PDB file of N, CA and C in Angstrom:
ATOM      1  N   MET A   1      98.720  78.866 112.447  1.00  0.00           N
ATOM      2  CA  MET A   1     100.102  78.808 112.871  1.00  0.00           C
ATOM      3  C   MET A   1     100.212  79.476 114.238  1.00  0.00           C
ATOM      4  N   HIS A   2     101.002  78.898 115.097  1.00  0.00           N
ATOM      5  CA  HIS A   2     101.186  79.423 116.451  1.00  0.00           C
ATOM      6  C   HIS A   2     102.488  80.220 116.516  1.00  0.00           C
ATOM      7  N   TYR A   3     102.399  81.416 117.017  1.00  0.00           N
ATOM      8  CA  TYR A   3     103.584  82.267 117.162  1.00  0.00           C
ATOM      9  C   TYR A   3     103.919  82.386 118.643  1.00  0.00           C
ATOM     10  N   PRO A   4     105.202  82.286 118.992  1.00  0.00           N
ATOM     11  CA  PRO A   4     105.559  82.346 120.413  1.00  0.00           C
ATOM     12  C   PRO A   4     105.216  83.702 121.016  1.00  0.00           C
ATOM     13  N   LEU A   5     104.562  83.656 122.149  1.00  0.00           N
ATOM     14  CA  LEU A   5     104.197  84.851 122.922  1.00  0.00           C
ATOM     15  C   LEU A   5     103.366  85.846 122.117  1.00  0.00           C
ATOM     16  N   GLY A   6     102.658  85.384 121.103  1.00  0.00           N
ATOM     17  CA  GLY A   6     101.793  86.245 120.312  1.00  0.00           C
ATOM     18  C   GLY A   6     102.505  87.193 119.376  1.00  0.00           C
ATOM     19  N   LEU A   7     103.764  86.916 119.059  1.00  0.00           N
ATOM     20  CA  LEU A   7     104.536  87.808 118.185  1.00  0.00           C
ATOM     21  C   LEU A   7     104.385  87.389 116.728  1.00  0.00           C
ATOM     22  N   GLN A   8     103.320  87.820 116.096  1.00  0.00           N
ATOM     23  CA  GLN A   8     103.063  87.485 114.701  1.00  0.00           C
ATOM     24  C   GLN A   8     103.605  88.597 113.802  1.00  0.00           C
ATOM     25  N   PRO A   9     104.479  88.254 112.839  1.00  0.00           N
ATOM     26  CA  PRO A   9     105.047  89.283 111.964  1.00  0.00           C
ATOM     27  C   PRO A   9     103.990  89.911 111.053  1.00  0.00           C
ATOM     28  N   LEU A  10     104.224  91.159 110.688  1.00  0.00           N
ATOM     29  CA  LEU A  10     103.375  91.870 109.730  1.00  0.00           C
ATOM     30  C   LEU A  10     104.051  91.857 108.364  1.00  0.00           C
ATOM     31  N   ILE A  11     103.258  92.031 107.328  1.00  0.00           N
ATOM     32  CA  ILE A  11     103.821  92.148 105.986  1.00  0.00           C
ATOM     33  C   ILE A  11     104.104  93.626 105.741  1.00  0.00           C
ATOM     34  N   ASP A  12     105.338  93.937 105.386  1.00  0.00           N
ATOM     35  CA  ASP A  12     105.769  95.315 105.161  1.00  0.00           C
ATOM     36  C   ASP A  12     105.695  95.626 103.667  1.00  0.00           C
ATOM     37  N   PHE A  13     104.703  96.409 103.266  1.00  0.00           N
ATOM     38  CA  PHE A  13     104.515  96.759 101.861  1.00  0.00           C
ATOM     39  C   PHE A  13     105.198  98.083 101.499  1.00  0.00           C
ATOM     40  N   SER A  14     106.105  98.560 102.344  1.00  0.00           N
ATOM     41  CA  SER A  14     106.752  99.837 102.070  1.00  0.00           C
ATOM     42  C   SER A  14     107.858  99.731 101.016  1.00  0.00           C
ATOM     43  N   ILE A  15     108.213  98.523 100.610  1.00  0.00           N
ATOM     44  CA  ILE A  15     109.233  98.321  99.579  1.00  0.00           C
ATOM     45  C   ILE A  15     108.530  98.236  98.231  1.00  0.00           C
ATOM     46  N   PRO A  16     109.067  98.890  97.197  1.00  0.00           N
ATOM     47  CA  PRO A  16     108.421  98.807  95.872  1.00  0.00           C
ATOM     48  C   PRO A  16     108.394  97.360  95.370  1.00  0.00           C
ATOM     49  N   PRO A  17     107.321  96.954  94.701  1.00  0.00           N
ATOM     50  CA  PRO A  17     107.209  95.577  94.241  1.00  0.00           C
ATOM     51  C   PRO A  17     108.308  95.164  93.268  1.00  0.00           C
ATOM     52  N   ASP A  18     108.845  96.093  92.479  1.00  0.00           N
ATOM     53  CA  ASP A  18     109.885  95.708  91.519  1.00  0.00           C
ATOM     54  C   ASP A  18     111.185  95.301  92.220  1.00  0.00           C
ATOM     55  N   GLN A  19     111.333  95.630  93.498  1.00  0.00           N
ATOM     56  CA  GLN A  19     112.488  95.179  94.268  1.00  0.00           C
ATOM     57  C   GLN A  19     112.217  93.849  94.967  1.00  0.00           C
ATOM     58  N   ILE A  20     110.983  93.391  94.923  1.00  0.00           N
ATOM     59  CA  ILE A  20     110.588  92.159  95.596  1.00  0.00           C
ATOM     60  C   ILE A  20     110.457  91.003  94.605  1.00  0.00           C
ATOM     61  N   TYR A  21     109.774  91.242  93.493  1.00  0.00           N
ATOM     62  CA  TYR A  21     109.496  90.158  92.558  1.00  0.00           C
ATOM     63  C   TYR A  21     109.453  90.672  91.123  1.00  0.00           C
ATOM     64  N   THR A  22     109.523  89.716  90.189  1.00  0.00           N
ATOM     65  CA  THR A  22     109.383  89.991  88.763  1.00  0.00           C
ATOM     66  C   THR A  22     108.193  89.185  88.265  1.00  0.00           C
ATOM     67  N   LYS A  23     107.209  89.871  87.679  1.00  0.00           N
ATOM     68  CA  LYS A  23     106.035  89.184  87.161  1.00  0.00           C
ATOM     69  C   LYS A  23     106.297  88.739  85.723  1.00  0.00           C
ATOM     70  N   ILE A  24     105.933  87.508  85.437  1.00  0.00           N
ATOM     71  CA  ILE A  24     105.988  86.987  84.074  1.00  0.00           C
ATOM     72  C   ILE A  24     104.655  86.307  83.801  1.00  0.00           C
ATOM     73  N   PRO A  25     103.915  86.771  82.797  1.00  0.00           N
ATOM     74  CA  PRO A  25     102.653  86.097  82.472  1.00  0.00           C
ATOM     75  C   PRO A  25     102.917  84.667  81.982  1.00  0.00           C
ATOM     76  N   ALA A  26     101.993  83.774  82.265  1.00  0.00           N
ATOM     77  CA  ALA A  26     102.166  82.369  81.896  1.00  0.00           C
ATOM     78  C   ALA A  26     102.290  82.202  80.384  1.00  0.00           C
ATOM     79  N   TRP A  27     101.516  82.970  79.620  1.00  0.00           N
ATOM     80  CA  TRP A  27     101.580  82.822  78.163  1.00  0.00           C
ATOM     81  C   TRP A  27     102.963  83.188  77.628  1.00  0.00           C
ATOM     82  N   LYS A  28     103.584  84.185  78.229  1.00  0.00           N
ATOM     83  CA  LYS A  28     104.914  84.594  77.784  1.00  0.00           C
ATOM     84  C   LYS A  28     105.953  83.525  78.129  1.00  0.00           C
ATOM     85  N   LEU A  29     105.785  82.913  79.277  1.00  0.00           N
ATOM     86  CA  LEU A  29     106.700  81.861  79.696  1.00  0.00           C
ATOM     87  C   LEU A  29     106.579  80.638  78.790  1.00  0.00           C
ATOM     88  N   LEU A  30     105.347  80.319  78.375  1.00  0.00           N
ATOM     89  CA  LEU A  30     105.135  79.148  77.528  1.00  0.00           C
ATOM     90  C   LEU A  30     105.542  79.395  76.074  1.00  0.00           C
ATOM     91  N   GLU A  31     105.304  80.605  75.553  1.00  0.00           N
ATOM     92  CA  GLU A  31     105.599  80.895  74.149  1.00  0.00           C
ATOM     93  C   GLU A  31     107.077  81.139  73.878  1.00  0.00           C
ATOM     94  N   ASN A  32     107.780  81.742  74.823  1.00  0.00           N
ATOM     95  CA  ASN A  32     109.172  82.110  74.619  1.00  0.00           C
ATOM     96  C   ASN A  32     110.052  81.286  75.547  1.00  0.00           C
ATOM     97  N   SER A  33     110.802  80.365  74.977  1.00  0.00           N
ATOM     98  CA  SER A  33     111.622  79.485  75.819  1.00  0.00           C
ATOM     99  C   SER A  33     112.798  80.225  76.453  1.00  0.00           C
ATOM    100  N   ASN A  34     113.192  81.399  75.934  1.00  0.00           N
ATOM    101  CA  ASN A  34     114.306  82.159  76.513  1.00  0.00           C
ATOM    102  C   ASN A  34     113.911  82.918  77.770  1.00  0.00           C
ATOM    103  N   THR A  35     112.604  83.066  77.990  1.00  0.00           N
ATOM    104  CA  THR A  35     112.134  83.830  79.140  1.00  0.00           C
ATOM    105  C   THR A  35     112.540  83.174  80.455  1.00  0.00           C
ATOM    106  N   ASN A  36     112.548  81.855  80.486  1.00  0.00           N
ATOM    107  CA  ASN A  36     112.849  81.188  81.748  1.00  0.00           C
ATOM    108  C   ASN A  36     114.334  80.967  81.969  1.00  0.00           C
ATOM    109  N   LYS A  37     115.196  81.582  81.184  1.00  0.00           N
ATOM    110  CA  LYS A  37     116.643  81.467  81.379  1.00  0.00           C
ATOM    111  C   LYS A  37     117.150  82.682  82.155  1.00  0.00           C
ATOM    112  N   PHE A  38     116.826  82.713  83.430  1.00  0.00           N
ATOM    113  CA  PHE A  38     117.258  83.804  84.291  1.00  0.00           C
ATOM    114  C   PHE A  38     118.636  83.503  84.837  1.00  0.00           C
ATOM    115  N   PRO A  39     119.423  84.537  85.124  1.00  0.00           N
ATOM    116  CA  PRO A  39     120.689  84.259  85.818  1.00  0.00           C
ATOM    117  C   PRO A  39     120.374  83.771  87.233  1.00  0.00           C
ATOM    118  N   LEU A  40     121.118  82.796  87.670  1.00  0.00           N
ATOM    119  CA  LEU A  40     120.878  82.265  89.008  1.00  0.00           C
ATOM    120  C   LEU A  40     121.354  83.263  90.051  1.00  0.00           C
ATOM    121  N   ILE A  41     120.485  83.568  90.965  1.00  0.00           N
ATOM    122  CA  ILE A  41     120.767  84.516  92.038  1.00  0.00           C
ATOM    123  C   ILE A  41     120.702  83.738  93.347  1.00  0.00           C
ATOM    124  N   PRO A  42     121.642  83.968  94.259  1.00  0.00           N
ATOM    125  CA  PRO A  42     121.539  83.278  95.548  1.00  0.00           C
ATOM    126  C   PRO A  42     120.195  83.581  96.209  1.00  0.00           C
ATOM    127  N   LYS A  43     119.635  82.560  96.802  1.00  0.00           N
ATOM    128  CA  LYS A  43     118.337  82.663  97.490  1.00  0.00           C
ATOM    129  C   LYS A  43     117.208  83.042  96.539  1.00  0.00           C
ATOM    130  N   GLN A  44     117.307  82.664  95.287  1.00  0.00           N
ATOM    131  CA  GLN A  44     116.246  82.941  94.324  1.00  0.00           C
ATOM    132  C   GLN A  44     115.103  81.955  94.524  1.00  0.00           C
ATOM    133  N   VAL A  45     113.894  82.438  94.442  1.00  0.00           N
ATOM    134  CA  VAL A  45     112.712  81.607  94.611  1.00  0.00           C
ATOM    135  C   VAL A  45     111.806  81.828  93.411  1.00  0.00           C
ATOM    136  N   VAL A  46     111.227  80.752  92.911  1.00  0.00           N
ATOM    137  CA  VAL A  46     110.252  80.849  91.836  1.00  0.00           C
ATOM    138  C   VAL A  46     108.894  80.555  92.435  1.00  0.00           C
ATOM    139  N   LEU A  47     107.967  81.475  92.258  1.00  0.00           N
ATOM    140  CA  LEU A  47     106.624  81.352  92.802  1.00  0.00           C
ATOM    141  C   LEU A  47     105.643  81.363  91.640  1.00  0.00           C
ATOM    142  N   ILE A  48     104.837  80.346  91.545  1.00  0.00           N
ATOM    143  CA  ILE A  48     103.810  80.287  90.505  1.00  0.00           C
ATOM    144  C   ILE A  48     102.486  80.568  91.187  1.00  0.00           C
ATOM    145  N   ALA A  49     101.850  81.675  90.777  1.00  0.00           N
ATOM    146  CA  ALA A  49     100.620  82.109  91.432  1.00  0.00           C
ATOM    147  C   ALA A  49      99.561  82.423  90.386  1.00  0.00           C
ATOM    148  N   SER A  50      98.317  82.505  90.824  1.00  0.00           N
ATOM    149  CA  SER A  50      97.195  82.678  89.907  1.00  0.00           C
ATOM    150  C   SER A  50      97.069  84.089  89.353  1.00  0.00           C
ATOM    151  N   GLY A  51      97.582  85.090  90.017  1.00  0.00           N
ATOM    152  CA  GLY A  51      97.471  86.464  89.514  1.00  0.00           C
ATOM    153  C   GLY A  51      96.058  86.995  89.593  1.00  0.00           C
ATOM    154  N   ASN A  52      95.655  87.779  88.592  1.00  0.00           N
ATOM    155  CA  ASN A  52      94.342  88.431  88.598  1.00  0.00           C
ATOM    156  C   ASN A  52      93.257  87.639  87.893  1.00  0.00           C
ATOM    157  N   ASP A  53      93.495  86.388  87.577  1.00  0.00           N
ATOM    158  CA  ASP A  53      92.501  85.574  86.881  1.00  0.00           C
ATOM    159  C   ASP A  53      91.377  85.221  87.844  1.00  0.00           C
ATOM    160  N   GLU A  54      90.165  85.682  87.550  1.00  0.00           N
ATOM    161  CA  GLU A  54      89.040  85.454  88.454  1.00  0.00           C
ATOM    162  C   GLU A  54      88.583  84.003  88.468  1.00  0.00           C
ATOM    163  N   ARG A  55      88.996  83.217  87.466  1.00  0.00           N
ATOM    164  CA  ARG A  55      88.606  81.807  87.429  1.00  0.00           C
ATOM    165  C   ARG A  55      89.433  80.983  88.403  1.00  0.00           C
ATOM    166  N   LEU A  56      90.571  81.513  88.818  1.00  0.00           N
ATOM    167  CA  LEU A  56      91.458  80.784  89.715  1.00  0.00           C
ATOM    168  C   LEU A  56      91.446  81.460  91.079  1.00  0.00           C
ATOM    169  N   GLY A  57      91.705  80.702  92.095  1.00  0.00           N
ATOM    170  CA  GLY A  57      91.760  81.317  93.418  1.00  0.00           C
ATOM    171  C   GLY A  57      91.439  80.349  94.519  1.00  0.00           C
ATOM    172  N   ILE A  58      90.815  80.852  95.565  1.00  0.00           N
ATOM    173  CA  ILE A  58      90.557  80.074  96.772  1.00  0.00           C
ATOM    174  C   ILE A  58      89.510  78.991  96.502  1.00  0.00           C
ATOM    175  N   ALA A  59      88.423  79.369  95.860  1.00  0.00           N
ATOM    176  CA  ALA A  59      87.336  78.448  95.538  1.00  0.00           C
ATOM    177  C   ALA A  59      86.615  79.013  94.317  1.00  0.00           C
ATOM    178  N   PRO A  60      85.732  78.233  93.687  1.00  0.00           N
ATOM    179  CA  PRO A  60      84.990  78.779  92.548  1.00  0.00           C
ATOM    180  C   PRO A  60      84.245  80.059  92.939  1.00  0.00           C
ATOM    181  N   ALA A  61      84.369  81.050  92.105  1.00  0.00           N
ATOM    182  CA  ALA A  61      83.742  82.376  92.294  1.00  0.00           C
ATOM    183  C   ALA A  61      84.326  83.140  93.475  1.00  0.00           C
ATOM    184  N   GLN A  62      85.484  82.716  94.002  1.00  0.00           N
ATOM    185  CA  GLN A  62      86.191  83.440  95.049  1.00  0.00           C
ATOM    186  C   GLN A  62      87.631  83.655  94.606  1.00  0.00           C
ATOM    187  N   PRO A  63      87.877  84.699  93.823  1.00  0.00           N
ATOM    188  CA  PRO A  63      89.249  84.933  93.342  1.00  0.00           C
ATOM    189  C   PRO A  63      90.202  85.232  94.488  1.00  0.00           C
ATOM    190  N   ASP A  64      91.481  84.981  94.225  1.00  0.00           N
ATOM    191  CA  ASP A  64      92.517  85.123  95.253  1.00  0.00           C
ATOM    192  C   ASP A  64      93.088  86.536  95.238  1.00  0.00           C
ATOM    193  N   TYR A  65      92.291  87.507  95.648  1.00  0.00           N
ATOM    194  CA  TYR A  65      92.804  88.859  95.817  1.00  0.00           C
ATOM    195  C   TYR A  65      92.015  89.574  96.894  1.00  0.00           C
ATOM    196  N   SER A  66      92.617  90.633  97.391  1.00  0.00           N
ATOM    197  CA  SER A  66      92.009  91.433  98.446  1.00  0.00           C
ATOM    198  C   SER A  66      92.308  92.903  98.162  1.00  0.00           C
ATOM    199  N   PRO A  67      91.648  93.815  98.869  1.00  0.00           N
ATOM    200  CA  PRO A  67      91.967  95.237  98.666  1.00  0.00           C
ATOM    201  C   PRO A  67      93.436  95.510  98.994  1.00  0.00           C
ATOM    202  N   ALA A  68      94.071  96.296  98.161  1.00  0.00           N
ATOM    203  CA  ALA A  68      95.497  96.593  98.350  1.00  0.00           C
ATOM    204  C   ALA A  68      95.698  97.528  99.542  1.00  0.00           C
ATOM    205  N   PRO A  69      96.713  97.273 100.363  1.00  0.00           N
ATOM    206  CA  PRO A  69      97.047  98.214 101.433  1.00  0.00           C
ATOM    207  C   PRO A  69      97.490  99.546 100.833  1.00  0.00           C
ATOM    208  N   LEU A  70      97.427 100.606 101.612  1.00  0.00           N
ATOM    209  CA  LEU A  70      97.753 101.933 101.098  1.00  0.00           C
ATOM    210  C   LEU A  70      99.166 102.014 100.539  1.00  0.00           C
ATOM    211  N   ALA A  71     100.132 101.377 101.188  1.00  0.00           N
ATOM    212  CA  ALA A  71     101.516 101.421 100.691  1.00  0.00           C
ATOM    213  C   ALA A  71     101.618 100.742  99.333  1.00  0.00           C
ATOM    214  N   MET A  72     100.955  99.615  99.157  1.00  0.00           N
ATOM    215  CA  MET A  72     100.984  98.905  97.877  1.00  0.00           C
ATOM    216  C   MET A  72     100.242  99.702  96.815  1.00  0.00           C
ATOM    217  N   ASN A  73      99.165 100.325  97.200  1.00  0.00           N
ATOM    218  CA  ASN A  73      98.410 101.168  96.267  1.00  0.00           C
ATOM    219  C   ASN A  73      99.267 102.346  95.804  1.00  0.00           C
ATOM    220  N   TYR A  74     100.118 102.862  96.678  1.00  0.00           N
ATOM    221  CA  TYR A  74     101.019 103.954  96.316  1.00  0.00           C
ATOM    222  C   TYR A  74     101.993 103.514  95.234  1.00  0.00           C
ATOM    223  N   TRP A  75     102.551 102.296  95.359  1.00  0.00           N
ATOM    224  CA  TRP A  75     103.551 101.828  94.412  1.00  0.00           C
ATOM    225  C   TRP A  75     102.936 101.416  93.082  1.00  0.00           C
ATOM    226  N   THR A  76     101.763 100.793  93.104  1.00  0.00           N
ATOM    227  CA  THR A  76     101.224 100.196  91.880  1.00  0.00           C
ATOM    228  C   THR A  76     100.007 100.903  91.312  1.00  0.00           C
ATOM    229  N   GLN A  77      99.337 101.724  92.082  1.00  0.00           N
ATOM    230  CA  GLN A  77      98.087 102.372  91.699  1.00  0.00           C
ATOM    231  C   GLN A  77      97.041 101.335  91.285  1.00  0.00           C
ATOM    232  N   GLN A  78      97.099 100.151  91.881  1.00  0.00           N
ATOM    233  CA  GLN A  78      96.118  99.101  91.630  1.00  0.00           C
ATOM    234  C   GLN A  78      95.271  98.926  92.884  1.00  0.00           C
ATOM    235  N   PRO A  79      93.966  98.775  92.727  1.00  0.00           N
ATOM    236  CA  PRO A  79      93.111  98.656  93.904  1.00  0.00           C
ATOM    237  C   PRO A  79      93.157  97.284  94.566  1.00  0.00           C
ATOM    238  N   LEU A  80      93.718  96.275  93.876  1.00  0.00           N
ATOM    239  CA  LEU A  80      93.702  94.915  94.407  1.00  0.00           C
ATOM    240  C   LEU A  80      95.108  94.364  94.589  1.00  0.00           C
ATOM    241  N   LEU A  81      95.244  93.497  95.570  1.00  0.00           N
ATOM    242  CA  LEU A  81      96.494  92.794  95.855  1.00  0.00           C
ATOM    243  C   LEU A  81      96.201  91.311  95.716  1.00  0.00           C
ATOM    244  N   THR A  82      96.948  90.629  94.850  1.00  0.00           N
ATOM    245  CA  THR A  82      96.713  89.197  94.663  1.00  0.00           C
ATOM    246  C   THR A  82      97.393  88.404  95.775  1.00  0.00           C
ATOM    247  N   GLY A  83      96.934  87.173  95.943  1.00  0.00           N
ATOM    248  CA  GLY A  83      97.540  86.302  96.940  1.00  0.00           C
ATOM    249  C   GLY A  83      99.000  86.004  96.615  1.00  0.00           C
ATOM    250  N   GLY A  84      99.328  85.921  95.317  1.00  0.00           N
ATOM    251  CA  GLY A  84     100.708  85.677  94.910  1.00  0.00           C
ATOM    252  C   GLY A  84     101.627  86.829  95.270  1.00  0.00           C
ATOM    253  N   GLU A  85     101.135  88.063  95.099  1.00  0.00           N
ATOM    254  CA  GLU A  85     101.942  89.232  95.465  1.00  0.00           C
ATOM    255  C   GLU A  85     102.184  89.271  96.975  1.00  0.00           C
ATOM    256  N   SER A  86     101.149  88.982  97.725  1.00  0.00           N
ATOM    257  CA  SER A  86     101.292  88.958  99.183  1.00  0.00           C
ATOM    258  C   SER A  86     102.273  87.874  99.607  1.00  0.00           C
ATOM    259  N   LEU A  87     102.184  86.705  98.989  1.00  0.00           N
ATOM    260  CA  LEU A  87     103.100  85.615  99.303  1.00  0.00           C
ATOM    261  C   LEU A  87     104.534  85.960  98.909  1.00  0.00           C
ATOM    262  N   ALA A  88     104.712  86.674  97.795  1.00  0.00           N
ATOM    263  CA  ALA A  88     106.055  87.093  97.378  1.00  0.00           C
ATOM    264  C   ALA A  88     106.675  88.016  98.430  1.00  0.00           C
ATOM    265  N   TYR A  89     105.893  88.932  98.980  1.00  0.00           N
ATOM    266  CA  TYR A  89     106.399  89.802 100.040  1.00  0.00           C
ATOM    267  C   TYR A  89     106.775  88.991 101.280  1.00  0.00           C
ATOM    268  N   MET A  90     105.931  88.017 101.645  1.00  0.00           N
ATOM    269  CA  MET A  90     106.232  87.205 102.830  1.00  0.00           C
ATOM    270  C   MET A  90     107.521  86.405 102.638  1.00  0.00           C
ATOM    271  N   ILE A  91     107.700  85.829 101.459  1.00  0.00           N
ATOM    272  CA  ILE A  91     108.916  85.066 101.180  1.00  0.00           C
ATOM    273  C   ILE A  91     110.134  85.982 101.223  1.00  0.00           C
ATOM    274  N   HIS A  92     110.015  87.179 100.639  1.00  0.00           N
ATOM    275  CA  HIS A  92     111.122  88.136 100.654  1.00  0.00           C
ATOM    276  C   HIS A  92     111.511  88.503 102.079  1.00  0.00           C
ATOM    277  N   HIS A  93     110.516  88.810 102.910  1.00  0.00           N
ATOM    278  CA  HIS A  93     110.795  89.191 104.299  1.00  0.00           C
ATOM    279  C   HIS A  93     111.457  88.038 105.055  1.00  0.00           C
ATOM    280  N   PHE A  94     111.025  86.810 104.784  1.00  0.00           N
ATOM    281  CA  PHE A  94     111.604  85.656 105.471  1.00  0.00           C
ATOM    282  C   PHE A  94     113.056  85.441 105.042  1.00  0.00           C
ATOM    283  N   LEU A  95     113.329  85.513 103.736  1.00  0.00           N
ATOM    284  CA  LEU A  95     114.683  85.255 103.246  1.00  0.00           C
ATOM    285  C   LEU A  95     115.664  86.358 103.625  1.00  0.00           C
ATOM    286  N   THR A  96     115.206  87.598 103.657  1.00  0.00           N
ATOM    287  CA  THR A  96     116.099  88.707 103.995  1.00  0.00           C
ATOM    288  C   THR A  96     116.088  89.013 105.496  1.00  0.00           C
ATOM    289  N   ARG A  97     115.326  88.233 106.254  1.00  0.00           N
ATOM    290  CA  ARG A  97     115.189  88.431 107.704  1.00  0.00           C
ATOM    291  C   ARG A  97     114.727  89.854 108.031  1.00  0.00           C
ATOM    292  N   ARG A  98     113.780  90.313 107.251  1.00  0.00           N
ATOM    293  CA  ARG A  98     113.211  91.637 107.430  1.00  0.00           C
ATOM    294  C   ARG A  98     111.785  91.509 107.966  1.00  0.00           C
ATOM    295  N   LEU A  99     111.653  90.858 109.088  1.00  0.00           N
ATOM    296  CA  LEU A  99     110.342  90.654 109.682  1.00  0.00           C
ATOM    297  C   LEU A  99     109.985  91.844 110.564  1.00  0.00           C
ATOM    298  N   VAL A 100     108.791  92.343 110.400  1.00  0.00           N
ATOM    299  CA  VAL A 100     108.286  93.435 111.221  1.00  0.00           C
ATOM    300  C   VAL A 100     107.373  92.818 112.262  1.00  0.00           C
ATOM    301  N   ILE A 101     107.819  92.872 113.515  1.00  0.00           N
ATOM    302  CA  ILE A 101     107.060  92.239 114.595  1.00  0.00           C
ATOM    303  C   ILE A 101     106.597  93.324 115.562  1.00  0.00           C
ATOM    304  N   PRO A 102     105.288  93.552 115.642  1.00  0.00           N
ATOM    305  CA  PRO A 102     104.792  94.566 116.572  1.00  0.00           C
ATOM    306  C   PRO A 102     104.864  94.070 118.020  1.00  0.00           C
ATOM    307  N   VAL A 103     105.121  94.979 118.910  1.00  0.00           N
ATOM    308  CA  VAL A 103     105.167  94.657 120.340  1.00  0.00           C
ATOM    309  C   VAL A 103     103.736  94.761 120.875  1.00  0.00           C
ATOM    310  N   PRO A 104     103.240  93.697 121.512  1.00  0.00           N
ATOM    311  CA  PRO A 104     101.870  93.739 122.045  1.00  0.00           C
ATOM    312  C   PRO A 104     101.704  94.821 123.110  1.00  0.00           C
ATOM    313  N   ASP A 105     100.516  95.393 123.181  1.00  0.00           N
ATOM    314  CA  ASP A 105     100.216  96.453 124.152  1.00  0.00           C
ATOM    315  C   ASP A 105     100.429  95.989 125.585  1.00  0.00           C
ATOM    316  N   ILE A 106     100.051  94.756 125.867  1.00  0.00           N
ATOM    317  CA  ILE A 106     100.180  94.275 127.239  1.00  0.00           C
ATOM    318  C   ILE A 106     101.639  94.241 127.672  1.00  0.00           C
ATOM    319  N   TRP A 107     102.547  93.966 126.728  1.00  0.00           N
ATOM    320  CA  TRP A 107     103.978  93.981 127.053  1.00  0.00           C
ATOM    321  C   TRP A 107     104.399  95.380 127.484  1.00  0.00           C
ATOM    322  N   MET A 108     103.927  96.392 126.768  1.00  0.00           N
ATOM    323  CA  MET A 108     104.290  97.774 127.091  1.00  0.00           C
ATOM    324  C   MET A 108     103.721  98.179 128.450  1.00  0.00           C
ATOM    325  N   ILE A 109     102.533  97.708 128.775  1.00  0.00           N
ATOM    326  CA  ILE A 109     101.931  98.009 130.074  1.00  0.00           C
ATOM    327  C   ILE A 109     102.763  97.381 131.192  1.00  0.00           C
ATOM    328  N   VAL A 110     103.164  96.114 130.997  1.00  0.00           N
ATOM    329  CA  VAL A 110     103.978  95.429 132.008  1.00  0.00           C
ATOM    330  C   VAL A 110     105.327  96.136 132.177  1.00  0.00           C
ATOM    331  N   VAL A 111     105.958  96.536 131.089  1.00  0.00           N
ATOM    332  CA  VAL A 111     107.241  97.249 131.166  1.00  0.00           C
ATOM    333  C   VAL A 111     107.059  98.584 131.894  1.00  0.00           C
ATOM    334  N   ALA A 112     105.969  99.295 131.591  1.00  0.00           N
ATOM    335  CA  ALA A 112     105.715 100.567 132.273  1.00  0.00           C
ATOM    336  C   ALA A 112     105.506 100.359 133.769  1.00  0.00           C
ATOM    337  N   ILE A 113     104.815  99.296 134.148  1.00  0.00           N
ATOM    338  CA  ILE A 113     104.592  99.010 135.571  1.00  0.00           C
ATOM    339  C   ILE A 113     105.928  98.713 136.262  1.00  0.00           C
ATOM    340  N   ILE A 114     106.750  97.895 135.654  1.00  0.00           N
ATOM    341  CA  ILE A 114     108.043  97.539 136.251  1.00  0.00           C
ATOM    342  C   ILE A 114     108.931  98.771 136.379  1.00  0.00           C
ATOM    343  N   LEU A 115     108.999  99.587 135.317  1.00  0.00           N
ATOM    344  CA  LEU A 115     109.829 100.800 135.372  1.00  0.00           C
ATOM    345  C   LEU A 115     109.321 101.793 136.414  1.00  0.00           C
ATOM    346  N   SER A 116     108.010 101.904 136.549  1.00  0.00           N
ATOM    347  CA  SER A 116     107.481 102.832 137.553  1.00  0.00           C
ATOM    348  C   SER A 116     107.771 102.328 138.968  1.00  0.00           C
ATOM    349  N   LYS A 117     107.704 101.018 139.195  1.00  0.00           N
ATOM    350  CA  LYS A 117     108.043 100.464 140.514  1.00  0.00           C
ATOM    351  C   LYS A 117     109.522 100.716 140.833  1.00  0.00           C
ATOM    352  N   ILE A 118     110.378 100.498 139.857  1.00  0.00           N
ATOM    353  CA  ILE A 118     111.816 100.740 140.058  1.00  0.00           C
ATOM    354  C   ILE A 118     112.065 102.213 140.367  1.00  0.00           C
ATOM    355  N   THR A 119     111.371 103.096 139.670  1.00  0.00           N
ATOM    356  CA  THR A 119     111.526 104.537 139.893  1.00  0.00           C
ATOM    357  C   THR A 119     111.068 104.918 141.297  1.00  0.00           C
ATOM    358  N   VAL A 120     109.933 104.368 141.727  1.00  0.00           N
ATOM    359  CA  VAL A 120     109.418 104.662 143.078  1.00  0.00           C
ATOM    360  C   VAL A 120     110.413 104.190 144.134  1.00  0.00           C
ATOM    361  N   PHE A 121     110.921 102.974 143.992  1.00  0.00           N
ATOM    362  CA  PHE A 121     111.901 102.466 144.964  1.00  0.00           C
ATOM    363  C   PHE A 121     113.177 103.297 144.949  1.00  0.00           C
ATOM    364  N   ALA A 122     113.634 103.722 143.788  1.00  0.00           N
ATOM    365  CA  ALA A 122     114.859 104.525 143.690  1.00  0.00           C
ATOM    366  C   ALA A 122     114.654 105.882 144.355  1.00  0.00           C
ATOM    367  N   LEU A 123     113.488 106.503 144.130  1.00  0.00           N
ATOM    368  CA  LEU A 123     113.210 107.811 144.754  1.00  0.00           C
ATOM    369  C   LEU A 123     113.080 107.688 146.276  1.00  0.00           C
ATOM    370  N   LYS A 124     112.442 106.616 146.752  1.00  0.00           N
ATOM    371  CA  LYS A 124     112.317 106.424 148.200  1.00  0.00           C
ATOM    372  C   LYS A 124     113.692 106.210 148.846  1.00  0.00           C
ATOM    373  N   ASN A 125     114.561 105.442 148.194  1.00  0.00           N
ATOM    374  CA  ASN A 125     115.872 105.167 148.746  1.00  0.00           C
ATOM    375  C   ASN A 125     116.773 106.410 148.692  1.00  0.00           C
ATOM    376  N   SER A 126     116.588 107.269 147.706  1.00  0.00           N
ATOM    377  CA  SER A 126     117.431 108.469 147.611  1.00  0.00           C
ATOM    378  C   SER A 126     117.017 109.541 148.609  1.00  0.00           C
ATOM    379  N   GLN A 127     115.798 109.513 149.090  1.00  0.00           N
ATOM    380  CA  GLN A 127     115.308 110.507 150.047  1.00  0.00           C
ATOM    381  C   GLN A 127     115.727 110.169 151.476  1.00  0.00           C
ATOM    382  N   ILE A 128     116.123 108.962 151.727  1.00  0.00           N
ATOM    383  CA  ILE A 128     116.478 108.554 153.092  1.00  0.00           C
ATOM    384  C   ILE A 128     117.858 109.008 153.460  1.00  0.00           C
TER     385      ILE A 128
END
């Protein structure tokens, strides 16, 4: 995916997972027909993901999980983050417009150069 001017959003794991998503195991959803009767919430999204099942994932023998970031490890005390959990955070950030976009270093260098030039010109003009 191409992001304009290199501004790629980061995933913010500082929010507790229980405020982002509700996990329901597939067996519970299939056995209990009342489980899927949730109250409709504006902007509600249903995401079906593989979870921690090692048989499912990117490819055979490649499960869909990665080491959990420190913030996520703080909330869940789990060493792994599944692809579904990561996707749930991305969807939440997109729907709530809570995108964390880092400013590239080169932008800060250019701003510092421009501000220093303006300062030099202002000091030269004030001394005359």
